Amino acid sequence: MSQNWTPPPASGGGSATVPNYMVPAIISIFCCWPLAMPLAIPAIIFAAQVNSKLAAGDTAGAEDSSKKAKMFSFIAIGLGVLGILVYVIMLVLGVGLSAMGNR
């Protein structure tokens, strides 16, 4: 009369994993400080919302916040890298032009 025990099925058809993109959001705020600041702050806010929405069972809201966090953080990083490149190019051109002017 022994019965085999089987675990109950997971609720909701399985637990969804949604990336929160907190690491790129934090990198964007420190790496690209002055130029991309208006985009890095919303990236951190949306990244912080992902886990709480998942815990509340709002998978669609968590996915939406995840997409927005990804978008804002990658645009902020891109603008920061672009700003650094423009600064370096202007620095090289400025030093090169001033060296040619001293001859």
C-alpha atoms as a PDB file:
ATOM      1  CA  MET A   1       0.000   0.000   0.000  1.00  0.00           C
ATOM      2  CA  SER A   2       2.901   2.294  -0.528  1.00  0.00           C
ATOM      3  CA  GLN A   3       2.333   5.230  -2.864  1.00  0.00           C
ATOM      4  CA  ASN A   4       4.997   7.225  -4.599  1.00  0.00           C
ATOM      5  CA  TRP A   5       4.931  10.895  -3.780  1.00  0.00           C
ATOM      6  CA  THR A   6       5.129  13.356  -6.656  1.00  0.00           C
ATOM      7  CA  PRO A   7       5.792  17.037  -6.076  1.00  0.00           C
ATOM      8  CA  PRO A   8       3.006  19.471  -6.970  1.00  0.00           C
ATOM      9  CA  PRO A   9       3.307  21.326 -10.269  1.00  0.00           C
ATOM     10  CA  ALA A  10       4.758  24.815 -10.202  1.00  0.00           C
ATOM     11  CA  SER A  11       2.157  27.542  -9.949  1.00  0.00           C
ATOM     12  CA  GLY A  12       1.470  29.567 -13.055  1.00  0.00           C
ATOM     13  CA  GLY A  13       3.148  27.120 -15.395  1.00  0.00           C
ATOM     14  CA  GLY A  14       6.626  27.817 -14.072  1.00  0.00           C
ATOM     15  CA  SER A  15       8.462  30.754 -12.625  1.00  0.00           C
ATOM     16  CA  ALA A  16       9.488  33.409 -15.098  1.00  0.00           C
ATOM     17  CA  THR A  17      12.957  34.850 -14.989  1.00  0.00           C
ATOM     18  CA  VAL A  18      13.249  38.374 -16.253  1.00  0.00           C
ATOM     19  CA  PRO A  19      16.659  40.109 -16.298  1.00  0.00           C
ATOM     20  CA  ASN A  20      16.652  43.379 -14.388  1.00  0.00           C
ATOM     21  CA  TYR A  21      19.718  45.020 -16.054  1.00  0.00           C
ATOM     22  CA  MET A  22      20.805  46.639 -12.785  1.00  0.00           C
ATOM     23  CA  VAL A  23      24.522  46.202 -13.529  1.00  0.00           C
ATOM     24  CA  PRO A  24      24.464  48.087 -16.878  1.00  0.00           C
ATOM     25  CA  ALA A  25      22.312  50.780 -15.256  1.00  0.00           C
ATOM     26  CA  ILE A  26      24.844  51.304 -12.471  1.00  0.00           C
ATOM     27  CA  ILE A  27      27.737  51.215 -14.937  1.00  0.00           C
ATOM     28  CA  SER A  28      26.000  53.860 -17.032  1.00  0.00           C
ATOM     29  CA  ILE A  29      25.610  56.227 -14.099  1.00  0.00           C
ATOM     30  CA  PHE A  30      29.265  55.963 -13.016  1.00  0.00           C
ATOM     31  CA  CYS A  31      30.966  55.568 -16.390  1.00  0.00           C
ATOM     32  CA  CYS A  32      29.073  58.256 -18.245  1.00  0.00           C
ATOM     33  CA  TRP A  33      28.451  60.735 -15.439  1.00  0.00           C
ATOM     34  CA  PRO A  34      27.689  64.175 -16.882  1.00  0.00           C
ATOM     35  CA  LEU A  35      26.476  63.385 -20.377  1.00  0.00           C
ATOM     36  CA  ALA A  36      24.150  60.462 -19.804  1.00  0.00           C
ATOM     37  CA  MET A  37      22.886  61.268 -16.302  1.00  0.00           C
ATOM     38  CA  PRO A  38      19.289  62.005 -17.425  1.00  0.00           C
ATOM     39  CA  LEU A  39      19.106  58.520 -18.962  1.00  0.00           C
ATOM     40  CA  ALA A  40      20.976  56.608 -16.266  1.00  0.00           C
ATOM     41  CA  ILE A  41      18.603  57.565 -13.446  1.00  0.00           C
ATOM     42  CA  PRO A  42      15.467  56.161 -15.158  1.00  0.00           C
ATOM     43  CA  ALA A  43      17.488  53.048 -16.045  1.00  0.00           C
ATOM     44  CA  ILE A  44      18.177  52.419 -12.355  1.00  0.00           C
ATOM     45  CA  ILE A  45      14.556  53.131 -11.412  1.00  0.00           C
ATOM     46  CA  PHE A  46      13.178  50.686 -14.000  1.00  0.00           C
ATOM     47  CA  ALA A  47      15.802  48.066 -13.109  1.00  0.00           C
ATOM     48  CA  ALA A  48      14.780  48.295  -9.457  1.00  0.00           C
ATOM     49  CA  GLN A  49      11.118  47.732 -10.349  1.00  0.00           C
ATOM     50  CA  VAL A  50      11.669  44.391 -12.104  1.00  0.00           C
ATOM     51  CA  ASN A  51      12.121  42.135  -9.062  1.00  0.00           C
ATOM     52  CA  SER A  52       9.244  43.661  -7.096  1.00  0.00           C
ATOM     53  CA  LYS A  53       6.879  43.288 -10.037  1.00  0.00           C
ATOM     54  CA  LEU A  54       7.931  39.668 -10.480  1.00  0.00           C
ATOM     55  CA  ALA A  55       7.349  39.006  -6.784  1.00  0.00           C
ATOM     56  CA  ALA A  56       3.871  40.501  -7.089  1.00  0.00           C
ATOM     57  CA  GLY A  57       3.131  38.225 -10.042  1.00  0.00           C
ATOM     58  CA  ASP A  58       3.116  40.986 -12.660  1.00  0.00           C
ATOM     59  CA  THR A  59       5.253  39.276 -15.291  1.00  0.00           C
ATOM     60  CA  ALA A  60       4.160  41.605 -18.098  1.00  0.00           C
ATOM     61  CA  GLY A  61       5.011  44.665 -16.023  1.00  0.00           C
ATOM     62  CA  ALA A  62       8.372  43.156 -15.073  1.00  0.00           C
ATOM     63  CA  GLU A  63       9.190  42.494 -18.733  1.00  0.00           C
ATOM     64  CA  ASP A  64       8.203  46.056 -19.644  1.00  0.00           C
ATOM     65  CA  SER A  65      10.383  47.519 -16.890  1.00  0.00           C
ATOM     66  CA  SER A  66      13.228  45.230 -17.971  1.00  0.00           C
ATOM     67  CA  LYS A  67      13.006  46.424 -21.579  1.00  0.00           C
ATOM     68  CA  LYS A  68      12.971  50.061 -20.474  1.00  0.00           C
ATOM     69  CA  ALA A  69      15.932  49.558 -18.120  1.00  0.00           C
ATOM     70  CA  LYS A  70      17.889  47.889 -20.923  1.00  0.00           C
ATOM     71  CA  MET A  71      17.046  50.645 -23.391  1.00  0.00           C
ATOM     72  CA  PHE A  72      17.895  53.543 -21.059  1.00  0.00           C
ATOM     73  CA  SER A  73      21.112  51.999 -19.761  1.00  0.00           C
ATOM     74  CA  PHE A  74      22.475  51.044 -23.189  1.00  0.00           C
ATOM     75  CA  ILE A  75      21.612  54.441 -24.683  1.00  0.00           C
ATOM     76  CA  ALA A  76      23.305  56.120 -21.706  1.00  0.00           C
ATOM     77  CA  ILE A  77      26.419  53.969 -22.099  1.00  0.00           C
ATOM     78  CA  GLY A  78      26.468  54.663 -25.843  1.00  0.00           C
ATOM     79  CA  LEU A  79      26.196  58.412 -25.321  1.00  0.00           C
ATOM     80  CA  GLY A  80      28.899  58.292 -22.670  1.00  0.00           C
ATOM     81  CA  VAL A  81      31.296  56.375 -24.915  1.00  0.00           C
ATOM     82  CA  LEU A  82      30.511  58.739 -27.789  1.00  0.00           C
ATOM     83  CA  GLY A  83      31.203  61.738 -25.551  1.00  0.00           C
ATOM     84  CA  ILE A  84      34.511  60.269 -24.409  1.00  0.00           C
ATOM     85  CA  LEU A  85      35.534  59.588 -28.021  1.00  0.00           C
ATOM     86  CA  VAL A  86      34.655  63.123 -29.099  1.00  0.00           C
ATOM     87  CA  TYR A  87      36.623  64.508 -26.145  1.00  0.00           C
ATOM     88  CA  VAL A  88      39.683  62.413 -27.011  1.00  0.00           C
ATOM     89  CA  ILE A  89      39.498  63.386 -30.692  1.00  0.00           C
ATOM     90  CA  MET A  90      39.185  67.062 -29.812  1.00  0.00           C
ATOM     91  CA  LEU A  91      42.067  66.756 -27.368  1.00  0.00           C
ATOM     92  CA  VAL A  92      44.305  65.110 -29.979  1.00  0.00           C
ATOM     93  CA  LEU A  93      43.360  67.615 -32.657  1.00  0.00           C
ATOM     94  CA  GLY A  94      43.815  70.522 -30.277  1.00  0.00           C
ATOM     95  CA  VAL A  95      47.247  69.395 -29.181  1.00  0.00           C
ATOM     96  CA  GLY A  96      48.244  68.644 -32.763  1.00  0.00           C
ATOM     97  CA  LEU A  97      47.057  72.007 -34.065  1.00  0.00           C
ATOM     98  CA  SER A  98      48.691  73.941 -31.261  1.00  0.00           C
ATOM     99  CA  ALA A  99      51.984  72.099 -31.852  1.00  0.00           C
ATOM    100  CA  MET A 100      51.840  73.010 -35.557  1.00  0.00           C
ATOM    101  CA  GLY A 101      51.093  76.635 -34.734  1.00  0.00           C
ATOM    102  CA  ASN A 102      54.253  76.971 -32.612  1.00  0.00           C
ATOM    103  CA  ARG A 103      56.581  76.314 -35.561  1.00  0.00           C
END
